[in-house]
C-alpha cells in the first residue's frame, strides 16, 4: 500500500515535478513530512484501509 501511495502522493506534492499540484500549509498540519508528504496523509490512508477491513471482518462474522 505504501509504494503506490508514496509514488502518487509524492508526485502531487512536488517530489518529482517542478510545481506541486497539492500544497499543504504547515500552519495547518504537524509540519512533519515524509519527503514532501505530510505525515497526516499516510495516517489517513491507513485509517481508510483499517475501516474497510473492520467492516469486512464485521460482515463476515455476521454471515457466519
PDB file of N, CA and C in Angstrom:
ATOM      1  N   UNK A   1       0.811  -1.189   0.000  1.00  0.00           N
ATOM      2  CA  UNK A   1       0.000   0.000   0.000  1.00  0.00           C
ATOM      3  C   UNK A   1       0.854   1.253   0.000  1.00  0.00           C
ATOM      4  N   UNK A   2       1.979   1.209   0.675  1.00  0.00           N
ATOM      5  CA  UNK A   2       2.790   2.416   0.784  1.00  0.00           C
ATOM      6  C   UNK A   2       3.523   2.784  -0.501  1.00  0.00           C
ATOM      7  N   UNK A   3       3.878   1.807  -1.303  1.00  0.00           N
ATOM      8  CA  UNK A   3       4.627   2.120  -2.527  1.00  0.00           C
ATOM      9  C   UNK A   3       3.787   2.958  -3.495  1.00  0.00           C
ATOM     10  N   UNK A   4       2.568   2.518  -3.871  1.00  0.00           N
ATOM     11  CA  UNK A   4       1.768   3.378  -4.754  1.00  0.00           C
ATOM     12  C   UNK A   4       1.376   4.694  -4.084  1.00  0.00           C
ATOM     13  N   UNK A   5       1.144   4.651  -2.772  1.00  0.00           N
ATOM     14  CA  UNK A   5       0.797   5.872  -2.042  1.00  0.00           C
ATOM     15  C   UNK A   5       1.910   6.900  -2.151  1.00  0.00           C
ATOM     16  N   UNK A   6       3.162   6.488  -1.888  1.00  0.00           N
ATOM     17  CA  UNK A   6       4.275   7.423  -1.947  1.00  0.00           C
ATOM     18  C   UNK A   6       4.536   7.913  -3.374  1.00  0.00           C
ATOM     19  N   UNK A   7       4.322   7.077  -4.358  1.00  0.00           N
ATOM     20  CA  UNK A   7       4.531   7.500  -5.746  1.00  0.00           C
ATOM     21  C   UNK A   7       3.508   8.565  -6.133  1.00  0.00           C
ATOM     22  N   UNK A   8       2.221   8.253  -5.954  1.00  0.00           N
ATOM     23  CA  UNK A   8       1.161   9.181  -6.380  1.00  0.00           C
ATOM     24  C   UNK A   8       1.166  10.449  -5.527  1.00  0.00           C
ATOM     25  N   UNK A   9       1.204  10.289  -4.218  1.00  0.00           N
ATOM     26  CA  UNK A   9       1.176  11.460  -3.353  1.00  0.00           C
ATOM     27  C   UNK A   9       2.460  12.268  -3.476  1.00  0.00           C
ATOM     28  N   UNK A  10       3.579  11.596  -3.720  1.00  0.00           N
ATOM     29  CA  UNK A  10       4.826  12.309  -3.942  1.00  0.00           C
ATOM     30  C   UNK A  10       4.776  13.171  -5.185  1.00  0.00           C
ATOM     31  N   UNK A  11       4.183  12.655  -6.244  1.00  0.00           N
ATOM     32  CA  UNK A  11       4.029  13.447  -7.473  1.00  0.00           C
ATOM     33  C   UNK A  11       3.126  14.648  -7.209  1.00  0.00           C
ATOM     34  N   UNK A  12       2.013  14.421  -6.521  1.00  0.00           N
ATOM     35  CA  UNK A  12       1.071  15.507  -6.268  1.00  0.00           C
ATOM     36  C   UNK A  12       1.659  16.599  -5.385  1.00  0.00           C
ATOM     37  N   UNK A  13       2.521  16.223  -4.442  1.00  0.00           N
ATOM     38  CA  UNK A  13       3.086  17.217  -3.524  1.00  0.00           C
ATOM     39  C   UNK A  13       4.427  17.763  -3.986  1.00  0.00           C
ATOM     40  N   UNK A  14       4.893  17.380  -5.170  1.00  0.00           N
ATOM     41  CA  UNK A  14       6.053  18.009  -5.772  1.00  0.00           C
ATOM     42  C   UNK A  14       7.371  17.285  -5.636  1.00  0.00           C
ATOM     43  N   UNK A  15       7.359  16.002  -5.315  1.00  0.00           N
ATOM     44  CA  UNK A  15       8.630  15.278  -5.204  1.00  0.00           C
ATOM     45  C   UNK A  15       9.319  15.106  -6.552  1.00  0.00           C
ATOM     46  N   UNK A  16       8.561  14.844  -7.597  1.00  0.00           N
ATOM     47  CA  UNK A  16       9.150  14.507  -8.888  1.00  0.00           C
ATOM     48  C   UNK A  16       8.846  15.523  -9.980  1.00  0.00           C
ATOM     49  N   UNK A  17       8.138  16.590  -9.622  1.00  0.00           N
ATOM     50  CA  UNK A  17       7.804  17.628 -10.600  1.00  0.00           C
ATOM     51  C   UNK A  17       8.231  18.991 -10.052  1.00  0.00           C
ATOM     52  N   UNK A  18       8.327  19.960 -10.933  1.00  0.00           N
ATOM     53  CA  UNK A  18       8.814  21.274 -10.523  1.00  0.00           C
ATOM     54  C   UNK A  18       7.803  22.011  -9.647  1.00  0.00           C
ATOM     55  N   UNK A  19       6.553  22.052 -10.057  1.00  0.00           N
ATOM     56  CA  UNK A  19       5.499  22.733  -9.292  1.00  0.00           C
ATOM     57  C   UNK A  19       4.515  21.708  -8.762  1.00  0.00           C
ATOM     58  N   UNK A  20       4.267  21.750  -7.463  1.00  0.00           N
ATOM     59  CA  UNK A  20       3.348  20.780  -6.872  1.00  0.00           C
ATOM     60  C   UNK A  20       1.910  21.058  -7.281  1.00  0.00           C
ATOM     61  N   UNK A  21       1.125  20.001  -7.334  1.00  0.00           N
ATOM     62  CA  UNK A  21      -0.297  20.111  -7.640  1.00  0.00           C
ATOM     63  C   UNK A  21      -1.061  20.410  -6.352  1.00  0.00           C
ATOM     64  N   UNK A  22      -0.657  19.770  -5.269  1.00  0.00           N
ATOM     65  CA  UNK A  22      -1.293  19.951  -3.961  1.00  0.00           C
ATOM     66  C   UNK A  22      -0.281  20.629  -3.048  1.00  0.00           C
ATOM     67  N   UNK A  23      -0.696  21.701  -2.404  1.00  0.00           N
ATOM     68  CA  UNK A  23       0.178  22.427  -1.493  1.00  0.00           C
ATOM     69  C   UNK A  23      -0.437  22.379  -0.103  1.00  0.00           C
ATOM     70  N   UNK A  24       0.361  22.000   0.890  1.00  0.00           N
ATOM     71  CA  UNK A  24      -0.103  21.923   2.272  1.00  0.00           C
ATOM     72  C   UNK A  24       0.523  23.049   3.081  1.00  0.00           C
ATOM     73  N   UNK A  25      -0.306  23.755   3.823  1.00  0.00           N
ATOM     74  CA  UNK A  25       0.158  24.820   4.698  1.00  0.00           C
ATOM     75  C   UNK A  25       0.664  24.194   5.996  1.00  0.00           C
ATOM     76  N   UNK A  26       1.934  24.400   6.336  1.00  0.00           N
ATOM     77  CA  UNK A  26       2.491  23.810   7.550  1.00  0.00           C
ATOM     78  C   UNK A  26       1.857  24.361   8.822  1.00  0.00           C
ATOM     79  N   UNK A  27       1.180  25.487   8.743  1.00  0.00           N
ATOM     80  CA  UNK A  27       0.459  26.007   9.911  1.00  0.00           C
ATOM     81  C   UNK A  27      -0.804  25.206  10.189  1.00  0.00           C
ATOM     82  N   UNK A  28      -1.245  24.411   9.219  1.00  0.00           N
ATOM     83  CA  UNK A  28      -2.476  23.643   9.341  1.00  0.00           C
ATOM     84  C   UNK A  28      -2.242  22.160   9.589  1.00  0.00           C
ATOM     85  N   UNK A  29      -0.988  21.722   9.639  1.00  0.00           N
ATOM     86  CA  UNK A  29      -0.695  20.314   9.918  1.00  0.00           C
ATOM     87  C   UNK A  29       0.454  20.230  10.919  1.00  0.00           C
ATOM     88  N   UNK A  30       0.969  19.043  11.145  1.00  0.00           N
ATOM     89  CA  UNK A  30       2.003  18.846  12.161  1.00  0.00           C
ATOM     90  C   UNK A  30       3.388  19.313  11.723  1.00  0.00           C
ATOM     91  N   UNK A  31       3.542  19.730  10.487  1.00  0.00           N
ATOM     92  CA  UNK A  31       4.813  20.185   9.911  1.00  0.00           C
ATOM     93  C   UNK A  31       5.873  19.088   9.868  1.00  0.00           C
ATOM     94  N   UNK A  32       5.464  17.844   9.993  1.00  0.00           N
ATOM     95  CA  UNK A  32       6.377  16.709   9.867  1.00  0.00           C
ATOM     96  C   UNK A  32       6.064  16.015   8.556  1.00  0.00           C
ATOM     97  N   UNK A  33       7.048  15.874   7.701  1.00  0.00           N
ATOM     98  CA  UNK A  33       6.826  15.313   6.366  1.00  0.00           C
ATOM     99  C   UNK A  33       7.728  14.125   6.101  1.00  0.00           C
ATOM    100  N   UNK A  34       7.212  13.194   5.312  1.00  0.00           N
ATOM    101  CA  UNK A  34       7.994  12.103   4.745  1.00  0.00           C
ATOM    102  C   UNK A  34       8.241  12.495   3.299  1.00  0.00           C
ATOM    103  N   UNK A  35       9.453  12.885   3.001  1.00  0.00           N
ATOM    104  CA  UNK A  35       9.813  13.506   1.721  1.00  0.00           C
ATOM    105  C   UNK A  35       9.033  14.814   1.616  1.00  0.00           C
ATOM    106  N   UNK A  36       8.067  14.926   0.718  1.00  0.00           N
ATOM    107  CA  UNK A  36       7.237  16.133   0.636  1.00  0.00           C
ATOM    108  C   UNK A  36       5.816  15.881   1.106  1.00  0.00           C
ATOM    109  N   UNK A  37       5.555  14.697   1.656  1.00  0.00           N
ATOM    110  CA  UNK A  37       4.202  14.281   2.028  1.00  0.00           C
ATOM    111  C   UNK A  37       3.987  14.476   3.531  1.00  0.00           C
ATOM    112  N   UNK A  38       2.959  15.229   3.931  1.00  0.00           N
ATOM    113  CA  UNK A  38       2.683  15.370   5.364  1.00  0.00           C
ATOM    114  C   UNK A  38       2.343  14.010   5.990  1.00  0.00           C
ATOM    115  N   UNK A  39       2.793  13.797   7.203  1.00  0.00           N
ATOM    116  CA  UNK A  39       2.582  12.520   7.888  1.00  0.00           C
ATOM    117  C   UNK A  39       1.090  12.207   8.035  1.00  0.00           C
ATOM    118  N   UNK A  40       0.252  13.229   8.100  1.00  0.00           N
ATOM    119  CA  UNK A  40      -1.183  13.005   8.244  1.00  0.00           C
ATOM    120  C   UNK A  40      -1.772  12.250   7.056  1.00  0.00           C
ATOM    121  N   UNK A  41      -1.196  12.423   5.877  1.00  0.00           N
ATOM    122  CA  UNK A  41      -1.701  11.716   4.698  1.00  0.00           C
ATOM    123  C   UNK A  41      -1.543  10.209   4.830  1.00  0.00           C
ATOM    124  N   UNK A  42      -0.410   9.763   5.334  1.00  0.00           N
ATOM    125  CA  UNK A  42      -0.222   8.315   5.498  1.00  0.00           C
ATOM    126  C   UNK A  42      -1.114   7.776   6.607  1.00  0.00           C
ATOM    127  N   UNK A  43      -1.320   8.541   7.667  1.00  0.00           N
ATOM    128  CA  UNK A  43      -2.230   8.112   8.733  1.00  0.00           C
ATOM    129  C   UNK A  43      -3.652   8.003   8.190  1.00  0.00           C
ATOM    130  N   UNK A  44      -4.050   8.969   7.379  1.00  0.00           N
ATOM    131  CA  UNK A  44      -5.377   8.946   6.769  1.00  0.00           C
ATOM    132  C   UNK A  44      -5.533   7.736   5.844  1.00  0.00           C
ATOM    133  N   UNK A  45      -4.524   7.442   5.037  1.00  0.00           N
ATOM    134  CA  UNK A  45      -4.593   6.295   4.124  1.00  0.00           C
ATOM    135  C   UNK A  45      -4.723   4.985   4.904  1.00  0.00           C
ATOM    136  N   UNK A  46      -3.936   4.841   5.979  1.00  0.00           N
ATOM    137  CA  UNK A  46      -4.042   3.635   6.793  1.00  0.00           C
ATOM    138  C   UNK A  46      -5.403   3.533   7.475  1.00  0.00           C
ATOM    139  N   UNK A  47      -5.966   4.653   7.902  1.00  0.00           N
ATOM    140  CA  UNK A  47      -7.274   4.608   8.556  1.00  0.00           C
ATOM    141  C   UNK A  47      -8.370   4.191   7.575  1.00  0.00           C
ATOM    142  N   UNK A  48      -8.262   4.618   6.314  1.00  0.00           N
ATOM    143  CA  UNK A  48      -9.239   4.180   5.315  1.00  0.00           C
ATOM    144  C   UNK A  48      -9.172   2.670   5.093  1.00  0.00           C
ATOM    145  N   UNK A  49      -7.976   2.132   5.024  1.00  0.00           N
ATOM    146  CA  UNK A  49      -7.817   0.687   4.845  1.00  0.00           C
ATOM    147  C   UNK A  49      -8.318  -0.056   6.082  1.00  0.00           C
ATOM    148  N   UNK A  50      -7.978   0.443   7.263  1.00  0.00           N
ATOM    149  CA  UNK A  50      -8.416  -0.194   8.503  1.00  0.00           C
ATOM    150  C   UNK A  50      -9.941  -0.192   8.620  1.00  0.00           C
ATOM    151  N   UNK A  51     -10.573   0.896   8.225  1.00  0.00           N
ATOM    152  CA  UNK A  51     -12.025   0.976   8.279  1.00  0.00           C
ATOM    153  C   UNK A  51     -12.649  -0.081   7.365  1.00  0.00           C
ATOM    154  N   UNK A  52     -12.141  -0.222   6.144  1.00  0.00           N
ATOM    155  CA  UNK A  52     -12.674  -1.219   5.224  1.00  0.00           C
ATOM    156  C   UNK A  52     -12.454  -2.638   5.737  1.00  0.00           C
ATOM    157  N   UNK A  53     -11.283  -2.905   6.299  1.00  0.00           N
ATOM    158  CA  UNK A  53     -11.021  -4.233   6.853  1.00  0.00           C
ATOM    159  C   UNK A  53     -11.921  -4.527   8.042  1.00  0.00           C
ATOM    160  N   UNK A  54     -12.162  -3.528   8.869  1.00  0.00           N
ATOM    161  CA  UNK A  54     -13.034  -3.710  10.030  1.00  0.00           C
ATOM    162  C   UNK A  54     -14.467  -4.024   9.611  1.00  0.00           C
ATOM    163  N   UNK A  55     -14.951  -3.309   8.617  1.00  0.00           N
ATOM    164  CA  UNK A  55     -16.310  -3.569   8.111  1.00  0.00           C
ATOM    165  C   UNK A  55     -16.389  -4.959   7.498  1.00  0.00           C
ATOM    166  N   UNK A  56     -15.378  -5.349   6.743  1.00  0.00           N
ATOM    167  CA  UNK A  56     -15.347  -6.684   6.146  1.00  0.00           C
ATOM    168  C   UNK A  56     -15.352  -7.769   7.222  1.00  0.00           C
ATOM    169  N   UNK A  57     -14.533  -7.611   8.252  1.00  0.00           N
ATOM    170  CA  UNK A  57     -14.500  -8.578   9.355  1.00  0.00           C
ATOM    171  C   UNK A  57     -15.857  -8.657  10.041  1.00  0.00           C
ATOM    172  N   UNK A  58     -16.485  -7.522  10.275  1.00  0.00           N
ATOM    173  CA  UNK A  58     -17.791  -7.491  10.927  1.00  0.00           C
ATOM    174  C   UNK A  58     -18.838  -8.225  10.085  1.00  0.00           C
ATOM    175  N   UNK A  59     -18.846  -7.952   8.786  1.00  0.00           N
ATOM    176  CA  UNK A  59     -19.825  -8.595   7.909  1.00  0.00           C
ATOM    177  C   UNK A  59     -19.573 -10.107   7.804  1.00  0.00           C
ATOM    178  N   UNK A  60     -18.327 -10.518   7.811  1.00  0.00           N
ATOM    179  CA  UNK A  60     -18.025 -11.946   7.769  1.00  0.00           C
ATOM    180  C   UNK A  60     -18.463 -12.644   9.052  1.00  0.00           C
ATOM    181  N   UNK A  61     -18.325 -11.996  10.193  1.00  0.00           N
ATOM    182  CA  UNK A  61     -18.804 -12.563  11.453  1.00  0.00           C
ATOM    183  C   UNK A  61     -20.324 -12.663  11.466  1.00  0.00           C
ATOM    184  N   UNK A  62     -20.994 -11.664  10.905  1.00  0.00           N
ATOM    185  CA  UNK A  62     -22.461 -11.682  10.845  1.00  0.00           C
ATOM    186  C   UNK A  62     -22.960 -12.799   9.930  1.00  0.00           C
ATOM    187  N   UNK A  63     -22.201 -13.074   8.883  1.00  0.00           N
ATOM    188  CA  UNK A  63     -22.585 -14.103   7.921  1.00  0.00           C
ATOM    189  C   UNK A  63     -22.411 -15.499   8.521  1.00  0.00           C
ATOM    190  N   UNK A  64     -21.410 -15.693   9.364  1.00  0.00           N
ATOM    191  CA  UNK A  64     -21.091 -16.997   9.930  1.00  0.00           C
ATOM    192  C   UNK A  64     -21.990 -17.418  11.062  1.00  0.00           C
TER     193      UNK A  64
END
